[in-house]
Amino acid sequence: MSEFIVIGYDRPEQAEAARDELMGMAREYLVDISDAVVATTGKDGKIKLNQMVNLWTAGAANGAFWGLLIGILFFNPLLGVAVGAGAGAISGALTDYGIDDTFMKRVAGILKPGQAALFMMMRSNASDKVLERLGEKGGHILRTNLDSEAESHLREEFAKAHEAEIAAHEAQTT
């Protein structure tokens, strides 16, 4: 079982410090992190992702996963804004695999211009202890459970959506 956790912060530095703390806990084998990314929103409202790992060494699919997930959460078609070719399928997949509309709307509400959020997917073995330590840094915590099958299916859906986005982009450029 994995947990998808989002912690919203008033300042990007807080989110980066929380992720550093999280990585320290991972090095101490206190937590099993599948992935983590910090999303910051500029004054212009544009979202920038700061990946946990170098995408060139980890493969771009991981970046696509987070990019699409965060794009769906913040520009959710259910909230009235259309996103990319695979957005509808992804939004449906999120609901199908345990991330409900209410959670998505709550996440969308925590990241305002100039703020940041730490998104993480972790094994549920010690999440309460982790969140207790990260809670010392402040922030608004949202969390939902994903079983391993749901996580696997979501990653498959994101891979398909990423391929559709690439195909749509290539069709526009030819």
N, C-alpha and C. Protein backbone atom coordinates (compact mmCIF):
# COMPACT_ATOMS: atom_id res chain seq x y z
N MET A 1 0.84 -1.17 0.00
CA MET A 1 0.00 0.00 0.00
C MET A 1 0.89 1.24 0.00
N SER A 2 0.55 2.20 -0.83
CA SER A 2 1.25 3.47 -0.87
C SER A 2 0.31 4.58 -0.46
N GLU A 3 0.90 5.67 -0.05
CA GLU A 3 0.13 6.87 0.23
C GLU A 3 0.59 7.96 -0.71
N PHE A 4 -0.37 8.71 -1.22
CA PHE A 4 -0.08 9.90 -2.01
C PHE A 4 -0.32 11.06 -1.05
N ILE A 5 0.73 11.81 -0.77
CA ILE A 5 0.67 12.88 0.22
C ILE A 5 1.09 14.19 -0.42
N VAL A 6 0.36 15.24 -0.08
CA VAL A 6 0.68 16.58 -0.55
C VAL A 6 0.74 17.48 0.67
N ILE A 7 1.82 18.24 0.79
CA ILE A 7 1.93 19.21 1.88
C ILE A 7 2.14 20.58 1.25
N GLY A 8 1.21 21.48 1.50
CA GLY A 8 1.30 22.83 0.96
C GLY A 8 2.03 23.75 1.93
N TYR A 9 2.88 24.61 1.38
CA TYR A 9 3.67 25.54 2.18
C TYR A 9 3.52 26.96 1.65
N ASP A 10 3.70 27.93 2.55
CA ASP A 10 3.60 29.33 2.15
C ASP A 10 4.78 29.77 1.28
N ARG A 11 5.95 29.15 1.52
CA ARG A 11 7.15 29.55 0.78
C ARG A 11 7.85 28.33 0.19
N PRO A 12 8.43 28.47 -1.01
CA PRO A 12 9.16 27.35 -1.62
C PRO A 12 10.27 26.79 -0.75
N GLU A 13 10.94 27.66 0.02
CA GLU A 13 12.05 27.20 0.87
C GLU A 13 11.57 26.18 1.89
N GLN A 14 10.34 26.35 2.38
CA GLN A 14 9.79 25.40 3.34
C GLN A 14 9.60 24.03 2.70
N ALA A 15 9.08 24.01 1.48
CA ALA A 15 8.86 22.74 0.78
C ALA A 15 10.19 22.04 0.49
N GLU A 16 11.20 22.81 0.07
CA GLU A 16 12.52 22.23 -0.19
C GLU A 16 13.13 21.68 1.09
N ALA A 17 12.99 22.42 2.20
CA ALA A 17 13.53 21.95 3.48
C ALA A 17 12.82 20.67 3.93
N ALA A 18 11.51 20.61 3.70
CA ALA A 18 10.76 19.40 4.06
C ALA A 18 11.22 18.22 3.21
N ARG A 19 11.45 18.46 1.91
CA ARG A 19 11.93 17.36 1.07
C ARG A 19 13.32 16.93 1.50
N ASP A 20 14.19 17.87 1.86
CA ASP A 20 15.52 17.50 2.37
C ASP A 20 15.39 16.63 3.62
N GLU A 21 14.48 17.01 4.50
CA GLU A 21 14.24 16.21 5.71
C GLU A 21 13.74 14.82 5.34
N LEU A 22 12.85 14.76 4.37
CA LEU A 22 12.31 13.49 3.89
C LEU A 22 13.42 12.60 3.33
N MET A 23 14.30 13.19 2.55
CA MET A 23 15.41 12.42 1.97
C MET A 23 16.35 11.94 3.07
N GLY A 24 16.54 12.75 4.10
CA GLY A 24 17.34 12.32 5.24
C GLY A 24 16.74 11.11 5.93
N MET A 25 15.42 11.14 6.09
CA MET A 25 14.73 9.99 6.70
C MET A 25 14.86 8.75 5.81
N ALA A 26 14.83 8.95 4.50
CA ALA A 26 14.99 7.81 3.57
C ALA A 26 16.40 7.23 3.70
N ARG A 27 17.41 8.11 3.83
CA ARG A 27 18.79 7.62 3.99
C ARG A 27 18.96 6.85 5.30
N GLU A 28 18.16 7.20 6.31
CA GLU A 28 18.19 6.50 7.59
C GLU A 28 17.30 5.26 7.59
N TYR A 29 16.69 4.96 6.44
CA TYR A 29 15.79 3.82 6.27
C TYR A 29 14.56 3.91 7.17
N LEU A 30 14.13 5.13 7.45
CA LEU A 30 12.93 5.33 8.26
C LEU A 30 11.67 5.35 7.40
N VAL A 31 11.86 5.55 6.09
CA VAL A 31 10.73 5.65 5.19
C VAL A 31 11.13 5.13 3.82
N ASP A 32 10.17 4.57 3.11
CA ASP A 32 10.39 4.07 1.76
C ASP A 32 9.65 5.00 0.80
N ILE A 33 10.39 5.90 0.19
CA ILE A 33 9.81 6.89 -0.72
C ILE A 33 9.83 6.35 -2.14
N SER A 34 8.67 6.29 -2.76
CA SER A 34 8.62 5.92 -4.18
C SER A 34 9.07 7.10 -5.02
N ASP A 35 8.64 8.29 -4.62
CA ASP A 35 8.95 9.47 -5.41
C ASP A 35 8.54 10.71 -4.63
N ALA A 36 9.16 11.84 -4.96
CA ALA A 36 8.79 13.12 -4.35
C ALA A 36 9.17 14.23 -5.31
N VAL A 37 8.35 15.26 -5.33
CA VAL A 37 8.60 16.42 -6.18
C VAL A 37 8.08 17.66 -5.47
N VAL A 38 8.79 18.77 -5.63
CA VAL A 38 8.33 20.05 -5.11
C VAL A 38 7.77 20.84 -6.28
N ALA A 39 6.56 21.33 -6.12
CA ALA A 39 5.93 22.19 -7.12
C ALA A 39 5.87 23.60 -6.54
N THR A 40 6.37 24.56 -7.30
CA THR A 40 6.29 25.95 -6.88
C THR A 40 5.46 26.73 -7.89
N THR A 41 4.77 27.73 -7.39
CA THR A 41 3.96 28.57 -8.26
C THR A 41 4.56 29.96 -8.26
N GLY A 42 4.92 30.44 -9.44
CA GLY A 42 5.45 31.79 -9.57
C GLY A 42 4.35 32.82 -9.38
N LYS A 43 4.76 34.07 -9.28
CA LYS A 43 3.79 35.16 -9.14
C LYS A 43 2.85 35.21 -10.33
N ASP A 44 3.32 34.70 -11.49
CA ASP A 44 2.49 34.67 -12.70
C ASP A 44 1.54 33.48 -12.73
N GLY A 45 1.61 32.60 -11.70
CA GLY A 45 0.73 31.45 -11.63
C GLY A 45 1.26 30.20 -12.31
N LYS A 46 2.42 30.30 -12.98
CA LYS A 46 2.99 29.12 -13.64
C LYS A 46 3.60 28.18 -12.60
N ILE A 47 3.38 26.88 -12.81
CA ILE A 47 3.88 25.87 -11.89
C ILE A 47 5.18 25.30 -12.42
N LYS A 48 6.18 25.24 -11.54
CA LYS A 48 7.48 24.68 -11.88
C LYS A 48 7.72 23.47 -10.97
N LEU A 49 8.20 22.38 -11.57
CA LEU A 49 8.47 21.16 -10.80
C LEU A 49 9.96 21.00 -10.56
N ASN A 50 10.31 20.67 -9.33
CA ASN A 50 11.68 20.38 -8.96
C ASN A 50 11.71 18.91 -8.57
N GLN A 51 12.21 18.08 -9.48
CA GLN A 51 12.19 16.63 -9.31
C GLN A 51 13.16 16.18 -8.22
N MET A 52 12.84 15.02 -7.62
CA MET A 52 13.69 14.44 -6.59
C MET A 52 14.98 13.91 -7.18
N VAL A 53 14.91 13.38 -8.41
CA VAL A 53 16.07 12.78 -9.05
C VAL A 53 16.30 13.44 -10.40
N ASN A 54 17.50 13.30 -10.89
CA ASN A 54 17.83 13.82 -12.21
C ASN A 54 17.09 13.02 -13.26
N LEU A 55 16.29 13.69 -14.08
CA LEU A 55 15.48 12.99 -15.07
C LEU A 55 16.33 12.28 -16.12
N TRP A 56 17.53 12.78 -16.36
CA TRP A 56 18.38 12.13 -17.36
C TRP A 56 18.84 10.77 -16.88
N THR A 57 19.01 10.61 -15.56
CA THR A 57 19.44 9.31 -15.06
C THR A 57 18.25 8.42 -14.73
N ALA A 58 17.12 9.01 -14.38
CA ALA A 58 15.96 8.21 -13.99
C ALA A 58 15.03 7.92 -15.14
N GLY A 59 15.15 8.66 -16.21
CA GLY A 59 14.22 8.49 -17.33
C GLY A 59 13.14 9.54 -17.27
N ALA A 60 12.74 10.04 -18.41
CA ALA A 60 11.78 11.13 -18.47
C ALA A 60 10.37 10.71 -18.10
N ALA A 61 10.08 9.43 -18.10
CA ALA A 61 8.71 8.99 -17.80
C ALA A 61 8.29 9.41 -16.40
N ASN A 62 9.23 9.38 -15.45
CA ASN A 62 8.93 9.80 -14.10
C ASN A 62 8.52 11.26 -14.07
N GLY A 63 9.24 12.09 -14.80
CA GLY A 63 8.89 13.50 -14.89
C GLY A 63 7.53 13.70 -15.53
N ALA A 64 7.24 12.89 -16.53
CA ALA A 64 5.93 12.97 -17.18
C ALA A 64 4.83 12.59 -16.20
N PHE A 65 5.09 11.59 -15.37
CA PHE A 65 4.10 11.18 -14.38
C PHE A 65 3.72 12.35 -13.48
N TRP A 66 4.75 12.98 -12.90
CA TRP A 66 4.46 14.09 -11.99
C TRP A 66 3.89 15.29 -12.72
N GLY A 67 4.42 15.58 -13.89
CA GLY A 67 3.91 16.72 -14.65
C GLY A 67 2.44 16.57 -14.98
N LEU A 68 2.06 15.40 -15.44
CA LEU A 68 0.65 15.17 -15.76
C LEU A 68 -0.21 15.14 -14.50
N LEU A 69 0.25 14.48 -13.45
CA LEU A 69 -0.54 14.40 -12.22
C LEU A 69 -0.79 15.79 -11.65
N ILE A 70 0.26 16.57 -11.53
CA ILE A 70 0.11 17.91 -10.97
C ILE A 70 -0.70 18.79 -11.90
N GLY A 71 -0.50 18.63 -13.20
CA GLY A 71 -1.33 19.37 -14.15
C GLY A 71 -2.80 19.06 -14.01
N ILE A 72 -3.11 17.79 -13.85
CA ILE A 72 -4.51 17.39 -13.67
C ILE A 72 -5.06 17.94 -12.36
N LEU A 73 -4.27 17.86 -11.29
CA LEU A 73 -4.76 18.33 -10.00
C LEU A 73 -5.02 19.83 -9.98
N PHE A 74 -4.16 20.59 -10.66
CA PHE A 74 -4.31 22.04 -10.60
C PHE A 74 -5.11 22.62 -11.75
N PHE A 75 -5.23 21.91 -12.83
CA PHE A 75 -6.01 22.39 -13.97
C PHE A 75 -7.03 21.32 -14.34
N ASN A 76 -7.65 20.74 -13.33
CA ASN A 76 -8.55 19.61 -13.47
C ASN A 76 -9.72 19.95 -14.38
N PRO A 77 -10.01 19.09 -15.37
CA PRO A 77 -11.18 19.32 -16.22
C PRO A 77 -12.47 19.44 -15.41
N LEU A 78 -12.50 18.79 -14.25
CA LEU A 78 -13.69 18.91 -13.40
C LEU A 78 -13.83 20.32 -12.86
N LEU A 79 -12.73 21.06 -12.82
CA LEU A 79 -12.77 22.43 -12.33
C LEU A 79 -12.97 23.42 -13.46
N GLY A 80 -13.17 22.92 -14.67
CA GLY A 80 -13.54 23.78 -15.78
C GLY A 80 -12.42 24.19 -16.71
N VAL A 81 -11.23 23.61 -16.57
CA VAL A 81 -10.12 23.97 -17.44
C VAL A 81 -9.64 22.71 -18.15
N ALA A 82 -9.52 22.76 -19.45
CA ALA A 82 -9.07 21.59 -20.22
C ALA A 82 -7.55 21.52 -20.22
N VAL A 83 -7.02 20.32 -20.18
CA VAL A 83 -5.58 20.09 -20.21
C VAL A 83 -5.28 18.96 -21.17
N GLY A 84 -4.37 19.17 -22.13
CA GLY A 84 -3.79 18.13 -22.97
C GLY A 84 -4.68 16.99 -23.43
N ALA A 85 -4.14 16.19 -24.32
CA ALA A 85 -4.87 15.10 -24.95
C ALA A 85 -5.25 14.00 -23.97
N GLY A 86 -4.41 13.71 -22.99
CA GLY A 86 -4.69 12.59 -22.09
C GLY A 86 -5.36 12.99 -20.79
N ALA A 87 -5.71 14.25 -20.64
CA ALA A 87 -6.20 14.73 -19.35
C ALA A 87 -7.49 14.06 -18.91
N GLY A 88 -8.43 13.90 -19.82
CA GLY A 88 -9.69 13.27 -19.45
C GLY A 88 -9.50 11.86 -18.96
N ALA A 89 -8.67 11.10 -19.66
CA ALA A 89 -8.40 9.71 -19.25
C ALA A 89 -7.71 9.68 -17.90
N ILE A 90 -6.77 10.59 -17.69
CA ILE A 90 -6.05 10.60 -16.42
C ILE A 90 -6.98 10.99 -15.29
N SER A 91 -7.79 12.01 -15.50
CA SER A 91 -8.72 12.43 -14.46
C SER A 91 -9.63 11.28 -14.07
N GLY A 92 -10.12 10.55 -15.06
CA GLY A 92 -10.95 9.38 -14.78
C GLY A 92 -10.17 8.31 -14.05
N ALA A 93 -8.91 8.11 -14.45
CA ALA A 93 -8.08 7.10 -13.80
C ALA A 93 -7.82 7.45 -12.35
N LEU A 94 -7.61 8.74 -12.07
CA LEU A 94 -7.40 9.15 -10.68
C LEU A 94 -8.59 8.75 -9.83
N THR A 95 -9.78 9.03 -10.34
CA THR A 95 -10.99 8.67 -9.61
C THR A 95 -11.13 7.16 -9.51
N ASP A 96 -10.89 6.46 -10.61
CA ASP A 96 -11.02 5.00 -10.61
C ASP A 96 -10.08 4.33 -9.61
N TYR A 97 -8.90 4.91 -9.40
CA TYR A 97 -7.90 4.26 -8.58
C TYR A 97 -7.71 4.90 -7.21
N GLY A 98 -8.71 5.65 -6.74
CA GLY A 98 -8.68 6.05 -5.34
C GLY A 98 -8.42 7.51 -5.04
N ILE A 99 -8.15 8.33 -6.04
CA ILE A 99 -7.96 9.75 -5.77
C ILE A 99 -9.25 10.44 -6.21
N ASP A 100 -10.09 10.77 -5.24
CA ASP A 100 -11.41 11.28 -5.59
C ASP A 100 -11.41 12.77 -5.91
N ASP A 101 -12.54 13.23 -6.45
CA ASP A 101 -12.68 14.63 -6.87
C ASP A 101 -12.46 15.59 -5.71
N THR A 102 -12.95 15.23 -4.53
CA THR A 102 -12.80 16.10 -3.36
C THR A 102 -11.33 16.29 -3.03
N PHE A 103 -10.56 15.21 -3.05
CA PHE A 103 -9.13 15.30 -2.78
C PHE A 103 -8.46 16.19 -3.82
N MET A 104 -8.80 15.98 -5.10
CA MET A 104 -8.19 16.79 -6.17
C MET A 104 -8.51 18.27 -5.98
N LYS A 105 -9.74 18.60 -5.61
CA LYS A 105 -10.12 20.00 -5.41
C LYS A 105 -9.40 20.58 -4.20
N ARG A 106 -9.23 19.79 -3.14
CA ARG A 106 -8.51 20.27 -1.96
C ARG A 106 -7.05 20.54 -2.29
N VAL A 107 -6.44 19.66 -3.08
CA VAL A 107 -5.05 19.88 -3.49
C VAL A 107 -4.94 21.15 -4.32
N ALA A 108 -5.84 21.32 -5.27
CA ALA A 108 -5.80 22.51 -6.12
C ALA A 108 -5.91 23.79 -5.31
N GLY A 109 -6.57 23.73 -4.17
CA GLY A 109 -6.76 24.91 -3.34
C GLY A 109 -5.58 25.29 -2.48
N ILE A 110 -4.57 24.43 -2.35
CA ILE A 110 -3.48 24.76 -1.42
C ILE A 110 -2.28 25.43 -2.08
N LEU A 111 -2.23 25.50 -3.39
CA LEU A 111 -1.06 26.06 -4.06
C LEU A 111 -1.44 27.34 -4.78
N LYS A 112 -1.11 28.45 -4.15
CA LYS A 112 -1.40 29.78 -4.69
C LYS A 112 -0.10 30.41 -5.19
N PRO A 113 -0.18 31.47 -6.01
CA PRO A 113 1.04 32.12 -6.50
C PRO A 113 2.01 32.47 -5.37
N GLY A 114 3.29 32.12 -5.59
CA GLY A 114 4.34 32.37 -4.61
C GLY A 114 4.48 31.25 -3.58
N GLN A 115 3.60 30.26 -3.62
CA GLN A 115 3.64 29.17 -2.65
C GLN A 115 4.22 27.91 -3.28
N ALA A 116 4.34 26.86 -2.47
CA ALA A 116 4.90 25.60 -2.95
C ALA A 116 4.22 24.43 -2.26
N ALA A 117 4.37 23.26 -2.85
CA ALA A 117 3.84 22.03 -2.25
C ALA A 117 4.83 20.90 -2.49
N LEU A 118 4.93 20.02 -1.51
CA LEU A 118 5.73 18.81 -1.63
C LEU A 118 4.76 17.67 -1.92
N PHE A 119 4.93 17.03 -3.08
CA PHE A 119 4.13 15.87 -3.47
C PHE A 119 5.00 14.64 -3.28
N MET A 120 4.46 13.61 -2.63
CA MET A 120 5.26 12.40 -2.44
C MET A 120 4.38 11.17 -2.52
N MET A 121 4.98 10.10 -2.99
CA MET A 121 4.36 8.80 -2.97
C MET A 121 5.28 7.92 -2.13
N MET A 122 4.73 7.36 -1.07
CA MET A 122 5.55 6.59 -0.15
C MET A 122 4.81 5.36 0.32
N ARG A 123 5.57 4.36 0.73
CA ARG A 123 4.98 3.18 1.34
C ARG A 123 4.40 3.61 2.68
N SER A 124 3.30 3.04 3.07
CA SER A 124 2.57 3.48 4.25
C SER A 124 3.17 3.02 5.58
N ASN A 125 4.31 2.37 5.55
CA ASN A 125 4.85 1.76 6.76
C ASN A 125 5.12 2.73 7.90
N ALA A 126 5.47 3.96 7.62
CA ALA A 126 5.82 4.90 8.69
C ALA A 126 5.33 6.31 8.39
N SER A 127 4.29 6.44 7.62
CA SER A 127 3.88 7.77 7.17
C SER A 127 3.49 8.69 8.32
N ASP A 128 2.90 8.16 9.39
CA ASP A 128 2.52 9.03 10.51
C ASP A 128 3.74 9.66 11.16
N LYS A 129 4.80 8.88 11.36
CA LYS A 129 6.03 9.41 11.95
C LYS A 129 6.68 10.43 11.02
N VAL A 130 6.66 10.13 9.73
CA VAL A 130 7.24 11.04 8.74
C VAL A 130 6.48 12.36 8.75
N LEU A 131 5.17 12.28 8.72
CA LEU A 131 4.36 13.50 8.70
C LEU A 131 4.50 14.30 9.98
N GLU A 132 4.72 13.61 11.09
CA GLU A 132 4.95 14.31 12.35
C GLU A 132 6.23 15.14 12.26
N ARG A 133 7.29 14.54 11.72
CA ARG A 133 8.56 15.28 11.57
C ARG A 133 8.44 16.39 10.55
N LEU A 134 7.77 16.11 9.43
CA LEU A 134 7.62 17.14 8.40
C LEU A 134 6.67 18.23 8.86
N GLY A 135 5.74 17.89 9.72
CA GLY A 135 4.79 18.86 10.24
C GLY A 135 5.45 19.96 11.04
N GLU A 136 6.64 19.69 11.57
CA GLU A 136 7.38 20.71 12.30
C GLU A 136 7.78 21.87 11.39
N LYS A 137 7.79 21.64 10.10
CA LYS A 137 8.14 22.68 9.13
C LYS A 137 6.92 23.50 8.73
N GLY A 138 5.77 23.22 9.32
CA GLY A 138 4.53 23.91 8.95
C GLY A 138 3.92 23.22 7.75
N GLY A 139 2.91 23.80 7.19
CA GLY A 139 2.31 23.24 5.99
C GLY A 139 0.95 22.61 6.25
N HIS A 140 0.21 22.49 5.19
CA HIS A 140 -1.13 21.90 5.21
C HIS A 140 -1.04 20.53 4.55
N ILE A 141 -1.38 19.48 5.28
CA ILE A 141 -1.18 18.10 4.83
C ILE A 141 -2.48 17.50 4.28
N LEU A 142 -2.38 16.93 3.08
CA LEU A 142 -3.46 16.15 2.48
C LEU A 142 -2.90 14.78 2.13
N ARG A 143 -3.69 13.73 2.34
CA ARG A 143 -3.19 12.40 2.03
C ARG A 143 -4.33 11.47 1.62
N THR A 144 -3.98 10.51 0.78
CA THR A 144 -4.92 9.47 0.38
C THR A 144 -4.14 8.19 0.13
N ASN A 145 -4.79 7.05 0.32
CA ASN A 145 -4.14 5.75 0.14
C ASN A 145 -4.27 5.24 -1.28
N LEU A 146 -3.24 4.55 -1.74
CA LEU A 146 -3.25 3.86 -3.03
C LEU A 146 -2.71 2.45 -2.80
N ASP A 147 -3.47 1.43 -3.19
CA ASP A 147 -2.88 0.10 -3.10
C ASP A 147 -1.90 -0.07 -4.26
N SER A 148 -1.08 -1.11 -4.20
CA SER A 148 -0.02 -1.28 -5.21
C SER A 148 -0.60 -1.42 -6.60
N GLU A 149 -1.75 -2.06 -6.72
CA GLU A 149 -2.39 -2.21 -8.03
C GLU A 149 -2.83 -0.85 -8.56
N ALA A 150 -3.41 -0.02 -7.69
CA ALA A 150 -3.85 1.31 -8.11
C ALA A 150 -2.67 2.16 -8.55
N GLU A 151 -1.57 2.10 -7.79
CA GLU A 151 -0.37 2.86 -8.16
C GLU A 151 0.16 2.40 -9.51
N SER A 152 0.21 1.10 -9.72
CA SER A 152 0.69 0.56 -11.00
C SER A 152 -0.21 1.00 -12.15
N HIS A 153 -1.52 0.90 -11.96
CA HIS A 153 -2.46 1.31 -13.01
C HIS A 153 -2.34 2.81 -13.31
N LEU A 154 -2.19 3.62 -12.26
CA LEU A 154 -2.03 5.06 -12.49
C LEU A 154 -0.79 5.34 -13.31
N ARG A 155 0.31 4.69 -12.97
CA ARG A 155 1.54 4.91 -13.74
C ARG A 155 1.35 4.48 -15.19
N GLU A 156 0.62 3.39 -15.43
CA GLU A 156 0.34 2.95 -16.80
C GLU A 156 -0.49 3.99 -17.53
N GLU A 157 -1.52 4.53 -16.87
CA GLU A 157 -2.38 5.55 -17.49
C GLU A 157 -1.57 6.80 -17.83
N PHE A 158 -0.67 7.18 -16.91
CA PHE A 158 0.15 8.35 -17.17
C PHE A 158 1.10 8.11 -18.33
N ALA A 159 1.64 6.90 -18.44
CA ALA A 159 2.52 6.58 -19.57
C ALA A 159 1.75 6.69 -20.88
N LYS A 160 0.52 6.16 -20.90
CA LYS A 160 -0.31 6.26 -22.11
C LYS A 160 -0.61 7.71 -22.45
N ALA A 161 -0.96 8.49 -21.43
CA ALA A 161 -1.28 9.90 -21.66
C ALA A 161 -0.05 10.65 -22.16
N HIS A 162 1.11 10.31 -21.61
CA HIS A 162 2.35 10.96 -22.05
C HIS A 162 2.62 10.64 -23.52
N GLU A 163 2.40 9.40 -23.90
CA GLU A 163 2.58 9.02 -25.31
C GLU A 163 1.60 9.77 -26.20
N ALA A 164 0.36 9.94 -25.73
CA ALA A 164 -0.64 10.69 -26.50
C ALA A 164 -0.24 12.15 -26.64
N GLU A 165 0.31 12.73 -25.57
CA GLU A 165 0.78 14.12 -25.61
C GLU A 165 1.91 14.27 -26.63
N ILE A 166 2.84 13.33 -26.63
CA ILE A 166 3.96 13.37 -27.58
C ILE A 166 3.44 13.26 -29.00
N ALA A 167 2.53 12.32 -29.24
CA ALA A 167 1.96 12.15 -30.59
C ALA A 167 1.23 13.40 -31.03
N ALA A 168 0.47 14.02 -30.13
CA ALA A 168 -0.26 15.24 -30.48
C ALA A 168 0.71 16.37 -30.80
N HIS A 169 1.78 16.47 -30.03
CA HIS A 169 2.79 17.51 -30.27
C HIS A 169 3.48 17.28 -31.61
N GLU A 170 3.83 16.03 -31.89
CA GLU A 170 4.49 15.70 -33.16
C GLU A 170 3.57 15.99 -34.34
N ALA A 171 2.28 15.71 -34.17
CA ALA A 171 1.32 15.98 -35.25
C ALA A 171 1.21 17.48 -35.53
N GLN A 172 1.34 18.30 -34.48
CA GLN A 172 1.27 19.75 -34.65
C GLN A 172 2.51 20.31 -35.33
N THR A 173 3.65 19.66 -35.11
CA THR A 173 4.91 20.19 -35.65
C THR A 173 5.22 19.67 -37.04
N THR A 174 4.42 18.73 -37.55
CA THR A 174 4.68 18.21 -38.90
C THR A 174 3.72 18.78 -39.91
